[in-house]
Amino acid sequence: MGWPAVVLAAAGLLFLLITWQVVAHGPLARADQRIDRDVVRPDRVSGLLADLGNITVAVPVLVIALCWAARRARRAGAYRWWLPPVAAAGLTALLPALIVPLKDLIARPGPPVMGAATGFYPSGHTATAAVAYGTAALVLWPWLTSAYARRGLLALCAALNLAVAFGLVRHGYHWPLDVVGSWSLCAVLLCALRLALGPLLGRGGRPRSGAA
């Protein structure tokens, strides 16, 4: 069993655990609310970091990455060069169809600064950032031949997602579990995408040639 399948299973179990705690108002959810009261300090910086999870920010970054990767793959004669960018774009486009019903079904109230509104679990901004930046890294990865470039790509992807999470919680837009639950769900989606695209990739994550 490869690492994507292991991560997918672990993330799926974590998402189910967190969702159960949120729905049942369990110990994790109560601790979540206590932590939130201690860390919420709305300011301009946290608001700007949270905005990195906006569709208007994350999706254009993804589009640029997909276009660049598709161009490289086509020039290299990669087998079905168009499929990874199309699959990545499709997953991002379908994300609201998964997140919005979950928000409506669970109807978790938001932190105090958000008033009486509900529908905060899982976090949509977190999901947008995780899937957009995550799929961008996934399609760019095969075309980065340097180990330093690949590490830099992973570090950038992680930094962007951590920045969004910090901004959302610090500004009081979301409870911490909203973010962690969204991360675990998106890990399932990203690993499923990696497994689906696996047959198109050779060893080391490099794309297969058109002659393969």
N, C-alpha and C. Protein backbone atom coordinates (compact mmCIF):
# COMPACT_ATOMS: atom_id res chain seq x y z
N MET A 1 0.86 -1.20 0.00
CA MET A 1 0.00 0.00 0.00
C MET A 1 0.89 1.25 0.00
N GLY A 2 0.71 2.14 -0.99
CA GLY A 2 1.52 3.35 -1.09
C GLY A 2 1.08 4.42 -0.10
N TRP A 3 1.94 5.46 -0.01
CA TRP A 3 1.64 6.52 0.96
C TRP A 3 0.34 7.26 0.67
N PRO A 4 -0.09 7.48 -0.60
CA PRO A 4 -1.37 8.17 -0.78
C PRO A 4 -2.54 7.42 -0.17
N ALA A 5 -2.53 6.08 -0.29
CA ALA A 5 -3.63 5.29 0.27
C ALA A 5 -3.62 5.33 1.79
N VAL A 6 -2.42 5.31 2.38
CA VAL A 6 -2.31 5.36 3.85
C VAL A 6 -2.79 6.71 4.38
N VAL A 7 -2.34 7.79 3.73
CA VAL A 7 -2.76 9.12 4.15
C VAL A 7 -4.25 9.30 3.96
N LEU A 8 -4.77 8.79 2.85
CA LEU A 8 -6.21 8.89 2.58
C LEU A 8 -7.01 8.23 3.69
N ALA A 9 -6.63 7.03 4.08
CA ALA A 9 -7.36 6.31 5.13
C ALA A 9 -7.26 7.04 6.47
N ALA A 10 -6.06 7.49 6.82
CA ALA A 10 -5.88 8.19 8.10
C ALA A 10 -6.65 9.50 8.13
N ALA A 11 -6.59 10.26 7.03
CA ALA A 11 -7.30 11.53 6.97
C ALA A 11 -8.81 11.32 7.01
N GLY A 12 -9.28 10.27 6.35
CA GLY A 12 -10.71 9.98 6.38
C GLY A 12 -11.20 9.67 7.78
N LEU A 13 -10.43 8.88 8.52
CA LEU A 13 -10.80 8.56 9.90
C LEU A 13 -10.77 9.81 10.78
N LEU A 14 -9.76 10.67 10.57
CA LEU A 14 -9.68 11.90 11.34
C LEU A 14 -10.87 12.80 11.06
N PHE A 15 -11.26 12.91 9.80
CA PHE A 15 -12.42 13.74 9.45
C PHE A 15 -13.69 13.21 10.12
N LEU A 16 -13.87 11.90 10.11
CA LEU A 16 -15.06 11.32 10.75
C LEU A 16 -15.05 11.59 12.25
N LEU A 17 -13.88 11.48 12.88
CA LEU A 17 -13.77 11.73 14.32
C LEU A 17 -14.11 13.17 14.65
N ILE A 18 -13.52 14.10 13.92
CA ILE A 18 -13.76 15.52 14.19
C ILE A 18 -15.23 15.87 13.93
N THR A 19 -15.78 15.36 12.84
CA THR A 19 -17.19 15.64 12.52
C THR A 19 -18.11 15.12 13.61
N TRP A 20 -17.83 13.92 14.09
CA TRP A 20 -18.63 13.35 15.18
C TRP A 20 -18.57 14.24 16.43
N GLN A 21 -17.37 14.72 16.77
CA GLN A 21 -17.21 15.57 17.94
C GLN A 21 -17.96 16.89 17.78
N VAL A 22 -17.91 17.45 16.58
CA VAL A 22 -18.61 18.72 16.33
C VAL A 22 -20.12 18.53 16.42
N VAL A 23 -20.63 17.48 15.79
CA VAL A 23 -22.07 17.23 15.79
C VAL A 23 -22.58 16.91 17.20
N ALA A 24 -21.79 16.11 17.93
CA ALA A 24 -22.22 15.67 19.27
C ALA A 24 -21.83 16.65 20.36
N HIS A 25 -21.15 17.76 20.00
CA HIS A 25 -20.66 18.73 21.00
C HIS A 25 -19.79 18.02 22.04
N GLY A 26 -18.91 17.17 21.55
CA GLY A 26 -18.06 16.36 22.42
C GLY A 26 -16.92 17.14 23.04
N PRO A 27 -16.05 16.43 23.77
CA PRO A 27 -14.92 17.09 24.46
C PRO A 27 -14.01 17.88 23.53
N LEU A 28 -13.76 17.35 22.34
CA LEU A 28 -12.90 18.07 21.40
C LEU A 28 -13.52 19.40 20.99
N ALA A 29 -14.82 19.38 20.76
CA ALA A 29 -15.51 20.60 20.34
C ALA A 29 -15.54 21.63 21.47
N ARG A 30 -15.71 21.17 22.70
CA ARG A 30 -15.72 22.11 23.83
C ARG A 30 -14.32 22.69 24.06
N ALA A 31 -13.30 21.85 23.94
CA ALA A 31 -11.93 22.36 24.07
C ALA A 31 -11.61 23.33 22.94
N ASP A 32 -12.15 23.04 21.77
CA ASP A 32 -11.98 23.89 20.60
C ASP A 32 -12.47 25.30 20.89
N GLN A 33 -13.61 25.40 21.52
CA GLN A 33 -14.20 26.71 21.82
C GLN A 33 -13.40 27.45 22.89
N ARG A 34 -12.85 26.71 23.86
CA ARG A 34 -12.04 27.36 24.90
C ARG A 34 -10.74 27.91 24.29
N ILE A 35 -10.13 27.13 23.41
CA ILE A 35 -8.90 27.59 22.75
C ILE A 35 -9.18 28.84 21.93
N ASP A 36 -10.30 28.82 21.23
CA ASP A 36 -10.64 29.95 20.36
C ASP A 36 -10.75 31.25 21.14
N ARG A 37 -11.35 31.18 22.32
CA ARG A 37 -11.50 32.40 23.13
C ARG A 37 -10.15 32.99 23.51
N ASP A 38 -9.15 32.13 23.63
CA ASP A 38 -7.83 32.61 24.04
C ASP A 38 -7.00 33.18 22.90
N VAL A 39 -7.29 32.78 21.67
CA VAL A 39 -6.40 33.16 20.56
C VAL A 39 -7.00 34.22 19.63
N VAL A 40 -8.30 34.46 19.70
CA VAL A 40 -8.92 35.40 18.76
C VAL A 40 -8.51 36.83 19.09
N ARG A 41 -7.84 37.46 18.13
CA ARG A 41 -7.45 38.87 18.22
C ARG A 41 -7.54 39.46 16.82
N PRO A 42 -8.73 39.86 16.40
CA PRO A 42 -8.88 40.35 15.02
C PRO A 42 -7.98 41.55 14.74
N ASP A 43 -7.27 41.48 13.62
CA ASP A 43 -6.46 42.61 13.19
C ASP A 43 -6.32 42.53 11.66
N ARG A 44 -5.67 43.53 11.10
CA ARG A 44 -5.56 43.61 9.65
C ARG A 44 -4.72 42.47 9.08
N VAL A 45 -3.65 42.10 9.76
CA VAL A 45 -2.78 41.04 9.25
C VAL A 45 -3.52 39.71 9.18
N SER A 46 -4.23 39.36 10.23
CA SER A 46 -4.96 38.09 10.22
C SER A 46 -6.04 38.10 9.15
N GLY A 47 -6.67 39.25 8.92
CA GLY A 47 -7.67 39.34 7.86
C GLY A 47 -7.06 39.12 6.49
N LEU A 48 -5.89 39.69 6.26
CA LEU A 48 -5.22 39.52 4.97
C LEU A 48 -4.77 38.08 4.76
N LEU A 49 -4.29 37.43 5.82
CA LEU A 49 -3.89 36.03 5.70
C LEU A 49 -5.09 35.14 5.40
N ALA A 50 -6.20 35.42 6.05
CA ALA A 50 -7.41 34.64 5.78
C ALA A 50 -7.86 34.79 4.33
N ASP A 51 -7.62 35.98 3.76
CA ASP A 51 -8.03 36.23 2.38
C ASP A 51 -7.26 35.39 1.36
N LEU A 52 -6.14 34.79 1.78
CA LEU A 52 -5.42 33.89 0.87
C LEU A 52 -6.25 32.66 0.54
N GLY A 53 -7.30 32.41 1.32
CA GLY A 53 -8.20 31.31 1.04
C GLY A 53 -9.41 31.70 0.23
N ASN A 54 -9.49 32.97 -0.19
CA ASN A 54 -10.58 33.42 -1.05
C ASN A 54 -10.45 32.80 -2.44
N ILE A 55 -11.58 32.56 -3.08
CA ILE A 55 -11.58 32.04 -4.45
C ILE A 55 -10.85 33.01 -5.38
N THR A 56 -11.02 34.30 -5.15
CA THR A 56 -10.42 35.31 -6.03
C THR A 56 -8.90 35.35 -5.94
N VAL A 57 -8.34 34.73 -4.90
CA VAL A 57 -6.88 34.68 -4.74
C VAL A 57 -6.35 33.30 -5.12
N ALA A 58 -6.93 32.25 -4.53
CA ALA A 58 -6.40 30.90 -4.70
C ALA A 58 -6.62 30.35 -6.11
N VAL A 59 -7.79 30.60 -6.69
CA VAL A 59 -8.08 30.02 -8.00
C VAL A 59 -7.19 30.59 -9.10
N PRO A 60 -6.95 31.91 -9.17
CA PRO A 60 -6.01 32.40 -10.19
C PRO A 60 -4.61 31.79 -10.06
N VAL A 61 -4.15 31.58 -8.83
CA VAL A 61 -2.85 30.92 -8.64
C VAL A 61 -2.89 29.52 -9.22
N LEU A 62 -3.98 28.80 -8.98
CA LEU A 62 -4.13 27.45 -9.53
C LEU A 62 -4.16 27.47 -11.05
N VAL A 63 -4.89 28.40 -11.63
CA VAL A 63 -4.99 28.48 -13.09
C VAL A 63 -3.62 28.69 -13.73
N ILE A 64 -2.82 29.59 -13.14
CA ILE A 64 -1.47 29.83 -13.67
C ILE A 64 -0.64 28.56 -13.60
N ALA A 65 -0.71 27.85 -12.47
CA ALA A 65 0.06 26.62 -12.31
C ALA A 65 -0.39 25.55 -13.30
N LEU A 66 -1.70 25.42 -13.51
CA LEU A 66 -2.21 24.41 -14.43
C LEU A 66 -1.81 24.71 -15.87
N CYS A 67 -1.88 25.97 -16.25
CA CYS A 67 -1.49 26.35 -17.61
C CYS A 67 -0.01 26.08 -17.85
N TRP A 68 0.81 26.41 -16.87
CA TRP A 68 2.25 26.19 -17.02
C TRP A 68 2.56 24.70 -17.12
N ALA A 69 1.93 23.90 -16.24
CA ALA A 69 2.18 22.46 -16.24
C ALA A 69 1.68 21.82 -17.53
N ALA A 70 0.52 22.26 -18.03
CA ALA A 70 -0.02 21.71 -19.27
C ALA A 70 0.89 22.03 -20.45
N ARG A 71 1.42 23.23 -20.46
CA ARG A 71 2.33 23.64 -21.54
C ARG A 71 3.60 22.79 -21.52
N ARG A 72 4.15 22.59 -20.33
CA ARG A 72 5.36 21.77 -20.22
C ARG A 72 5.08 20.32 -20.64
N ALA A 73 3.96 19.79 -20.19
CA ALA A 73 3.63 18.40 -20.49
C ALA A 73 3.39 18.19 -21.99
N ARG A 74 2.73 19.14 -22.62
CA ARG A 74 2.47 19.02 -24.05
C ARG A 74 3.77 19.08 -24.84
N ARG A 75 4.65 19.99 -24.47
CA ARG A 75 5.93 20.11 -25.17
C ARG A 75 6.79 18.85 -25.00
N ALA A 76 6.67 18.23 -23.83
CA ALA A 76 7.46 17.03 -23.55
C ALA A 76 6.84 15.77 -24.14
N GLY A 77 5.64 15.89 -24.71
CA GLY A 77 4.98 14.73 -25.28
C GLY A 77 4.50 13.75 -24.22
N ALA A 78 4.11 14.26 -23.05
CA ALA A 78 3.66 13.39 -21.97
C ALA A 78 2.36 12.68 -22.35
N TYR A 79 2.23 11.47 -21.86
CA TYR A 79 1.04 10.65 -22.11
C TYR A 79 -0.18 11.33 -21.49
N ARG A 80 -1.19 11.59 -22.33
CA ARG A 80 -2.41 12.28 -21.87
C ARG A 80 -2.05 13.52 -21.05
N TRP A 81 -1.26 14.40 -21.64
CA TRP A 81 -0.74 15.57 -20.95
C TRP A 81 -1.82 16.47 -20.38
N TRP A 82 -2.99 16.42 -20.96
CA TRP A 82 -4.08 17.32 -20.57
C TRP A 82 -4.85 16.83 -19.34
N LEU A 83 -4.72 15.54 -19.02
CA LEU A 83 -5.58 14.97 -17.97
C LEU A 83 -5.29 15.49 -16.56
N PRO A 84 -4.02 15.56 -16.10
CA PRO A 84 -3.80 16.08 -14.74
C PRO A 84 -4.33 17.50 -14.53
N PRO A 85 -4.08 18.47 -15.45
CA PRO A 85 -4.65 19.80 -15.22
C PRO A 85 -6.18 19.81 -15.23
N VAL A 86 -6.77 19.03 -16.12
CA VAL A 86 -8.24 18.99 -16.18
C VAL A 86 -8.81 18.37 -14.91
N ALA A 87 -8.18 17.29 -14.42
CA ALA A 87 -8.65 16.65 -13.18
C ALA A 87 -8.51 17.59 -11.99
N ALA A 88 -7.39 18.31 -11.93
CA ALA A 88 -7.17 19.25 -10.83
C ALA A 88 -8.19 20.38 -10.86
N ALA A 89 -8.45 20.91 -12.05
CA ALA A 89 -9.45 21.98 -12.18
C ALA A 89 -10.84 21.47 -11.84
N GLY A 90 -11.15 20.24 -12.26
CA GLY A 90 -12.46 19.67 -11.97
C GLY A 90 -12.69 19.47 -10.49
N LEU A 91 -11.66 18.99 -9.78
CA LEU A 91 -11.79 18.81 -8.33
C LEU A 91 -12.04 20.14 -7.64
N THR A 92 -11.34 21.17 -8.04
CA THR A 92 -11.53 22.49 -7.43
C THR A 92 -12.93 23.04 -7.72
N ALA A 93 -13.40 22.83 -8.96
CA ALA A 93 -14.72 23.33 -9.34
C ALA A 93 -15.84 22.61 -8.59
N LEU A 94 -15.63 21.32 -8.30
CA LEU A 94 -16.67 20.54 -7.63
C LEU A 94 -16.63 20.68 -6.11
N LEU A 95 -15.59 21.32 -5.58
CA LEU A 95 -15.44 21.43 -4.13
C LEU A 95 -16.65 22.06 -3.43
N PRO A 96 -17.21 23.17 -3.94
CA PRO A 96 -18.37 23.75 -3.25
C PRO A 96 -19.56 22.79 -3.16
N ALA A 97 -19.70 21.89 -4.15
CA ALA A 97 -20.81 20.94 -4.13
C ALA A 97 -20.68 19.94 -2.98
N LEU A 98 -19.47 19.80 -2.45
CA LEU A 98 -19.25 18.93 -1.29
C LEU A 98 -19.28 19.72 0.01
N ILE A 99 -18.64 20.87 0.03
CA ILE A 99 -18.52 21.65 1.27
C ILE A 99 -19.84 22.29 1.69
N VAL A 100 -20.55 22.91 0.76
CA VAL A 100 -21.77 23.64 1.11
C VAL A 100 -22.84 22.73 1.73
N PRO A 101 -23.15 21.55 1.16
CA PRO A 101 -24.13 20.67 1.83
C PRO A 101 -23.70 20.24 3.23
N LEU A 102 -22.39 20.00 3.41
CA LEU A 102 -21.91 19.63 4.74
C LEU A 102 -22.13 20.78 5.73
N LYS A 103 -21.85 22.00 5.30
CA LYS A 103 -22.07 23.16 6.15
C LYS A 103 -23.54 23.27 6.56
N ASP A 104 -24.43 23.10 5.58
CA ASP A 104 -25.87 23.20 5.85
C ASP A 104 -26.36 22.08 6.74
N LEU A 105 -25.83 20.87 6.54
CA LEU A 105 -26.28 19.72 7.31
C LEU A 105 -25.82 19.81 8.76
N ILE A 106 -24.56 20.18 8.98
CA ILE A 106 -24.01 20.23 10.34
C ILE A 106 -24.43 21.51 11.06
N ALA A 107 -24.50 22.62 10.31
CA ALA A 107 -25.01 23.90 10.83
C ALA A 107 -24.32 24.31 12.13
N ARG A 108 -23.01 24.25 12.16
CA ARG A 108 -22.30 24.64 13.38
C ARG A 108 -22.29 26.16 13.53
N PRO A 109 -22.65 26.67 14.71
CA PRO A 109 -22.56 28.12 14.93
C PRO A 109 -21.11 28.58 14.86
N GLY A 110 -20.92 29.82 14.45
CA GLY A 110 -19.58 30.37 14.34
C GLY A 110 -19.08 30.96 15.64
N PRO A 111 -17.84 31.41 15.67
CA PRO A 111 -17.30 32.10 16.85
C PRO A 111 -18.11 33.35 17.17
N PRO A 112 -17.98 33.86 18.39
CA PRO A 112 -18.79 35.01 18.82
C PRO A 112 -18.72 36.21 17.89
N VAL A 113 -17.57 36.49 17.30
CA VAL A 113 -17.45 37.68 16.46
C VAL A 113 -18.26 37.55 15.17
N MET A 114 -18.73 36.34 14.84
CA MET A 114 -19.51 36.11 13.63
C MET A 114 -21.01 36.20 13.88
N GLY A 115 -21.41 36.51 15.10
CA GLY A 115 -22.83 36.67 15.40
C GLY A 115 -23.55 35.35 15.50
N ALA A 116 -24.81 35.33 15.05
CA ALA A 116 -25.66 34.15 15.21
C ALA A 116 -25.65 33.26 13.97
N ALA A 117 -24.79 33.50 13.04
CA ALA A 117 -24.76 32.71 11.80
C ALA A 117 -24.32 31.27 12.08
N THR A 118 -24.74 30.36 11.21
CA THR A 118 -24.34 28.96 11.31
C THR A 118 -23.71 28.52 9.98
N GLY A 119 -23.24 27.28 9.96
CA GLY A 119 -22.65 26.75 8.74
C GLY A 119 -21.16 27.00 8.63
N PHE A 120 -20.44 26.78 9.74
CA PHE A 120 -19.01 27.09 9.77
C PHE A 120 -18.12 25.85 9.66
N TYR A 121 -18.73 24.67 9.70
CA TYR A 121 -17.94 23.44 9.61
C TYR A 121 -18.37 22.63 8.40
N PRO A 122 -17.42 22.19 7.57
CA PRO A 122 -15.99 22.52 7.57
C PRO A 122 -15.73 23.88 6.94
N SER A 123 -14.56 24.42 7.17
CA SER A 123 -14.22 25.75 6.67
C SER A 123 -14.07 25.76 5.15
N GLY A 124 -14.85 26.61 4.49
CA GLY A 124 -14.76 26.73 3.04
C GLY A 124 -13.48 27.39 2.57
N HIS A 125 -13.03 28.43 3.30
CA HIS A 125 -11.78 29.10 2.92
C HIS A 125 -10.59 28.15 3.05
N THR A 126 -10.60 27.35 4.12
CA THR A 126 -9.54 26.37 4.30
C THR A 126 -9.55 25.35 3.17
N ALA A 127 -10.72 24.88 2.80
CA ALA A 127 -10.84 23.89 1.73
C ALA A 127 -10.39 24.47 0.39
N THR A 128 -10.78 25.70 0.11
CA THR A 128 -10.36 26.34 -1.14
C THR A 128 -8.85 26.44 -1.22
N ALA A 129 -8.22 26.87 -0.12
CA ALA A 129 -6.77 27.00 -0.10
C ALA A 129 -6.09 25.64 -0.22
N ALA A 130 -6.57 24.66 0.53
CA ALA A 130 -5.94 23.34 0.54
C ALA A 130 -6.01 22.68 -0.83
N VAL A 131 -7.17 22.74 -1.47
CA VAL A 131 -7.33 22.08 -2.76
C VAL A 131 -6.67 22.87 -3.88
N ALA A 132 -6.83 24.18 -3.88
CA ALA A 132 -6.23 24.98 -4.96
C ALA A 132 -4.71 24.92 -4.91
N TYR A 133 -4.13 25.21 -3.74
CA TYR A 133 -2.67 25.19 -3.64
C TYR A 133 -2.13 23.75 -3.68
N GLY A 134 -2.91 22.82 -3.13
CA GLY A 134 -2.48 21.42 -3.14
C GLY A 134 -2.47 20.82 -4.53
N THR A 135 -3.52 21.06 -5.32
CA THR A 135 -3.54 20.53 -6.69
C THR A 135 -2.51 21.23 -7.56
N ALA A 136 -2.27 22.52 -7.30
CA ALA A 136 -1.22 23.22 -8.05
C ALA A 136 0.13 22.54 -7.80
N ALA A 137 0.42 22.21 -6.54
CA ALA A 137 1.67 21.53 -6.23
C ALA A 137 1.72 20.14 -6.87
N LEU A 138 0.57 19.47 -6.90
CA LEU A 138 0.51 18.12 -7.45
C LEU A 138 0.85 18.10 -8.94
N VAL A 139 0.33 19.07 -9.70
CA VAL A 139 0.58 19.06 -11.14
C VAL A 139 1.95 19.66 -11.49
N LEU A 140 2.48 20.51 -10.61
CA LEU A 140 3.80 21.09 -10.86
C LEU A 140 4.92 20.12 -10.48
N TRP A 141 4.69 19.28 -9.51
CA TRP A 141 5.70 18.40 -8.95
C TRP A 141 6.48 17.60 -10.01
N PRO A 142 5.80 16.94 -10.98
CA PRO A 142 6.56 16.12 -11.94
C PRO A 142 7.54 16.91 -12.79
N TRP A 143 7.34 18.22 -12.91
CA TRP A 143 8.17 19.02 -13.81
C TRP A 143 9.29 19.74 -13.09
N LEU A 144 9.40 19.51 -11.80
CA LEU A 144 10.51 20.07 -11.03
C LEU A 144 11.54 18.97 -10.81
N THR A 145 12.66 19.07 -11.49
CA THR A 145 13.67 18.02 -11.43
C THR A 145 14.63 18.19 -10.26
N SER A 146 14.71 19.38 -9.70
CA SER A 146 15.61 19.65 -8.59
C SER A 146 14.95 19.32 -7.26
N ALA A 147 15.70 18.65 -6.39
CA ALA A 147 15.17 18.33 -5.06
C ALA A 147 14.88 19.61 -4.28
N TYR A 148 15.71 20.63 -4.47
CA TYR A 148 15.50 21.90 -3.78
C TYR A 148 14.20 22.56 -4.24
N ALA A 149 13.94 22.48 -5.55
CA ALA A 149 12.72 23.08 -6.09
C ALA A 149 11.49 22.36 -5.55
N ARG A 150 11.57 21.04 -5.46
CA ARG A 150 10.43 20.28 -4.95
C ARG A 150 10.19 20.58 -3.47
N ARG A 151 11.26 20.66 -2.70
CA ARG A 151 11.10 21.01 -1.28
C ARG A 151 10.55 22.42 -1.12
N GLY A 152 11.02 23.32 -1.98
CA GLY A 152 10.51 24.68 -1.93
C GLY A 152 9.03 24.74 -2.26
N LEU A 153 8.60 23.94 -3.24
CA LEU A 153 7.19 23.89 -3.61
C LEU A 153 6.35 23.39 -2.44
N LEU A 154 6.79 22.32 -1.79
CA LEU A 154 6.05 21.80 -0.64
C LEU A 154 6.02 22.80 0.50
N ALA A 155 7.15 23.47 0.73
CA ALA A 155 7.21 24.46 1.81
C ALA A 155 6.27 25.62 1.54
N LEU A 156 6.22 26.08 0.29
CA LEU A 156 5.34 27.18 -0.07
C LEU A 156 3.88 26.79 0.09
N CYS A 157 3.53 25.59 -0.37
CA CYS A 157 2.16 25.11 -0.24
C CYS A 157 1.76 25.02 1.23
N ALA A 158 2.64 24.47 2.06
CA ALA A 158 2.35 24.36 3.50
C ALA A 158 2.24 25.73 4.15
N ALA A 159 3.13 26.65 3.77
CA ALA A 159 3.12 27.99 4.36
C ALA A 159 1.83 28.74 4.03
N LEU A 160 1.37 28.62 2.79
CA LEU A 160 0.14 29.29 2.39
C LEU A 160 -1.06 28.75 3.18
N ASN A 161 -1.12 27.43 3.34
CA ASN A 161 -2.24 26.84 4.06
C ASN A 161 -2.19 27.15 5.55
N LEU A 162 -0.99 27.16 6.12
CA LEU A 162 -0.87 27.54 7.53
C LEU A 162 -1.23 29.01 7.74
N ALA A 163 -0.86 29.86 6.79
CA ALA A 163 -1.20 31.28 6.89
C ALA A 163 -2.71 31.48 6.86
N VAL A 164 -3.39 30.77 5.96
CA VAL A 164 -4.85 30.87 5.89
C VAL A 164 -5.48 30.40 7.20
N ALA A 165 -5.01 29.27 7.72
CA ALA A 165 -5.55 28.73 8.98
C ALA A 165 -5.35 29.71 10.13
N PHE A 166 -4.14 30.25 10.24
CA PHE A 166 -3.87 31.21 11.31
C PHE A 166 -4.78 32.43 11.17
N GLY A 167 -4.91 32.95 9.96
CA GLY A 167 -5.75 34.12 9.76
C GLY A 167 -7.20 33.88 10.11
N LEU A 168 -7.73 32.73 9.72
CA LEU A 168 -9.14 32.42 9.99
C LEU A 168 -9.42 32.30 11.48
N VAL A 169 -8.53 31.62 12.19
CA VAL A 169 -8.75 31.42 13.63
C VAL A 169 -8.44 32.69 14.41
N ARG A 170 -7.34 33.33 14.09
CA ARG A 170 -6.93 34.55 14.80
C ARG A 170 -7.96 35.67 14.64
N HIS A 171 -8.54 35.77 13.45
CA HIS A 171 -9.51 36.83 13.20
C HIS A 171 -10.90 36.49 13.73
N GLY A 172 -11.10 35.23 14.12
CA GLY A 172 -12.40 34.82 14.65
C GLY A 172 -13.39 34.41 13.59
N TYR A 173 -12.92 34.10 12.39
CA TYR A 173 -13.81 33.66 11.32
C TYR A 173 -14.24 32.21 11.51
N HIS A 174 -13.38 31.40 12.13
CA HIS A 174 -13.65 29.97 12.29
C HIS A 174 -13.08 29.45 13.60
N TRP A 175 -13.73 28.38 14.12
CA TRP A 175 -13.15 27.61 15.21
C TRP A 175 -11.97 26.81 14.68
N PRO A 176 -11.00 26.46 15.53
CA PRO A 176 -9.86 25.64 15.06
C PRO A 176 -10.28 24.32 14.44
N LEU A 177 -11.30 23.64 14.99
CA LEU A 177 -11.72 22.35 14.42
C LEU A 177 -12.33 22.51 13.04
N ASP A 178 -12.89 23.67 12.73
CA ASP A 178 -13.40 23.91 11.38
C ASP A 178 -12.26 23.78 10.37
N VAL A 179 -11.10 24.30 10.77
CA VAL A 179 -9.93 24.28 9.90
C VAL A 179 -9.34 22.87 9.80
N VAL A 180 -9.14 22.23 10.95
CA VAL A 180 -8.53 20.90 10.95
C VAL A 180 -9.43 19.89 10.25
N GLY A 181 -10.73 19.98 10.47
CA GLY A 181 -11.66 19.09 9.78
C GLY A 181 -11.61 19.29 8.28
N SER A 182 -11.53 20.53 7.84
CA SER A 182 -11.44 20.82 6.42
C SER A 182 -10.13 20.31 5.84
N TRP A 183 -9.04 20.46 6.58
CA TRP A 183 -7.75 19.91 6.13
C TRP A 183 -7.83 18.41 5.92
N SER A 184 -8.43 17.70 6.87
CA SER A 184 -8.50 16.24 6.78
C SER A 184 -9.36 15.81 5.59
N LEU A 185 -10.46 16.52 5.35
CA LEU A 185 -11.30 16.19 4.20
C LEU A 185 -10.55 16.44 2.90
N CYS A 186 -9.84 17.54 2.83
CA CYS A 186 -9.10 17.88 1.60
C CYS A 186 -7.92 16.93 1.38
N ALA A 187 -7.34 16.43 2.47
CA ALA A 187 -6.28 15.43 2.33
C ALA A 187 -6.82 14.18 1.65
N VAL A 188 -8.05 13.80 1.99
CA VAL A 188 -8.70 12.66 1.33
C VAL A 188 -8.85 12.94 -0.16
N LEU A 189 -9.32 14.13 -0.50
CA LEU A 189 -9.55 14.47 -1.91
C LEU A 189 -8.25 14.52 -2.69
N LEU A 190 -7.22 15.11 -2.11
CA LEU A 190 -5.94 15.24 -2.81
C LEU A 190 -5.27 13.87 -2.99
N CYS A 191 -5.35 13.03 -1.98
CA CYS A 191 -4.77 11.69 -2.11
C CYS A 191 -5.55 10.86 -3.12
N ALA A 192 -6.87 11.02 -3.15
CA ALA A 192 -7.66 10.31 -4.15
C ALA A 192 -7.28 10.76 -5.56
N LEU A 193 -7.04 12.06 -5.72
CA LEU A 193 -6.61 12.58 -7.02
C LEU A 193 -5.25 12.02 -7.40
N ARG A 194 -4.33 11.97 -6.43
CA ARG A 194 -3.00 11.42 -6.71
C ARG A 194 -3.08 9.95 -7.11
N LEU A 195 -3.94 9.20 -6.44
CA LEU A 195 -4.11 7.79 -6.80
C LEU A 195 -4.72 7.64 -8.18
N ALA A 196 -5.68 8.51 -8.51
CA ALA A 196 -6.33 8.44 -9.82
C ALA A 196 -5.35 8.76 -10.94
N LEU A 197 -4.42 9.68 -10.68
CA LEU A 197 -3.45 10.08 -11.70
C LEU A 197 -2.21 9.19 -11.71
N GLY A 198 -2.12 8.28 -10.73
CA GLY A 198 -0.95 7.43 -10.62
C GLY A 198 -0.58 6.68 -11.89
N PRO A 199 -1.55 6.09 -12.63
CA PRO A 199 -1.20 5.36 -13.85
C PRO A 199 -0.53 6.22 -14.93
N LEU A 200 -0.71 7.55 -14.85
CA LEU A 200 -0.09 8.43 -15.85
C LEU A 200 1.34 8.78 -15.49
N LEU A 201 1.75 8.43 -14.28
CA LEU A 201 3.07 8.83 -13.80
C LEU A 201 4.00 7.63 -13.69
N GLY A 202 5.24 7.86 -13.98
CA GLY A 202 6.24 6.82 -13.83
C GLY A 202 6.84 6.85 -12.45
N ARG A 203 8.00 6.24 -12.29
CA ARG A 203 8.68 6.22 -11.00
C ARG A 203 9.15 7.62 -10.61
N GLY A 204 9.07 7.91 -9.31
CA GLY A 204 9.51 9.20 -8.83
C GLY A 204 8.54 10.33 -9.14
N GLY A 205 7.31 9.98 -9.59
CA GLY A 205 6.32 11.01 -9.87
C GLY A 205 6.51 11.69 -11.20
N ARG A 206 7.40 11.18 -12.05
CA ARG A 206 7.63 11.81 -13.35
C ARG A 206 6.64 11.30 -14.37
N PRO A 207 6.18 12.17 -15.28
CA PRO A 207 5.15 11.76 -16.23
C PRO A 207 5.65 10.74 -17.23
N ARG A 208 4.77 9.86 -17.65
CA ARG A 208 5.09 8.91 -18.70
C ARG A 208 5.09 9.62 -20.03
N SER A 209 5.93 9.15 -20.93
CA SER A 209 5.99 9.74 -22.27
C SER A 209 4.82 9.27 -23.10
N GLY A 210 4.59 9.96 -24.21
CA GLY A 210 3.48 9.59 -25.08
C GLY A 210 3.65 8.23 -25.70
N ALA A 211 4.87 7.74 -25.74
CA ALA A 211 5.12 6.45 -26.35
C ALA A 211 4.93 5.30 -25.37
N ALA A 212 4.72 5.63 -24.08
CA ALA A 212 4.60 4.59 -23.07
C ALA A 212 3.32 3.78 -23.23
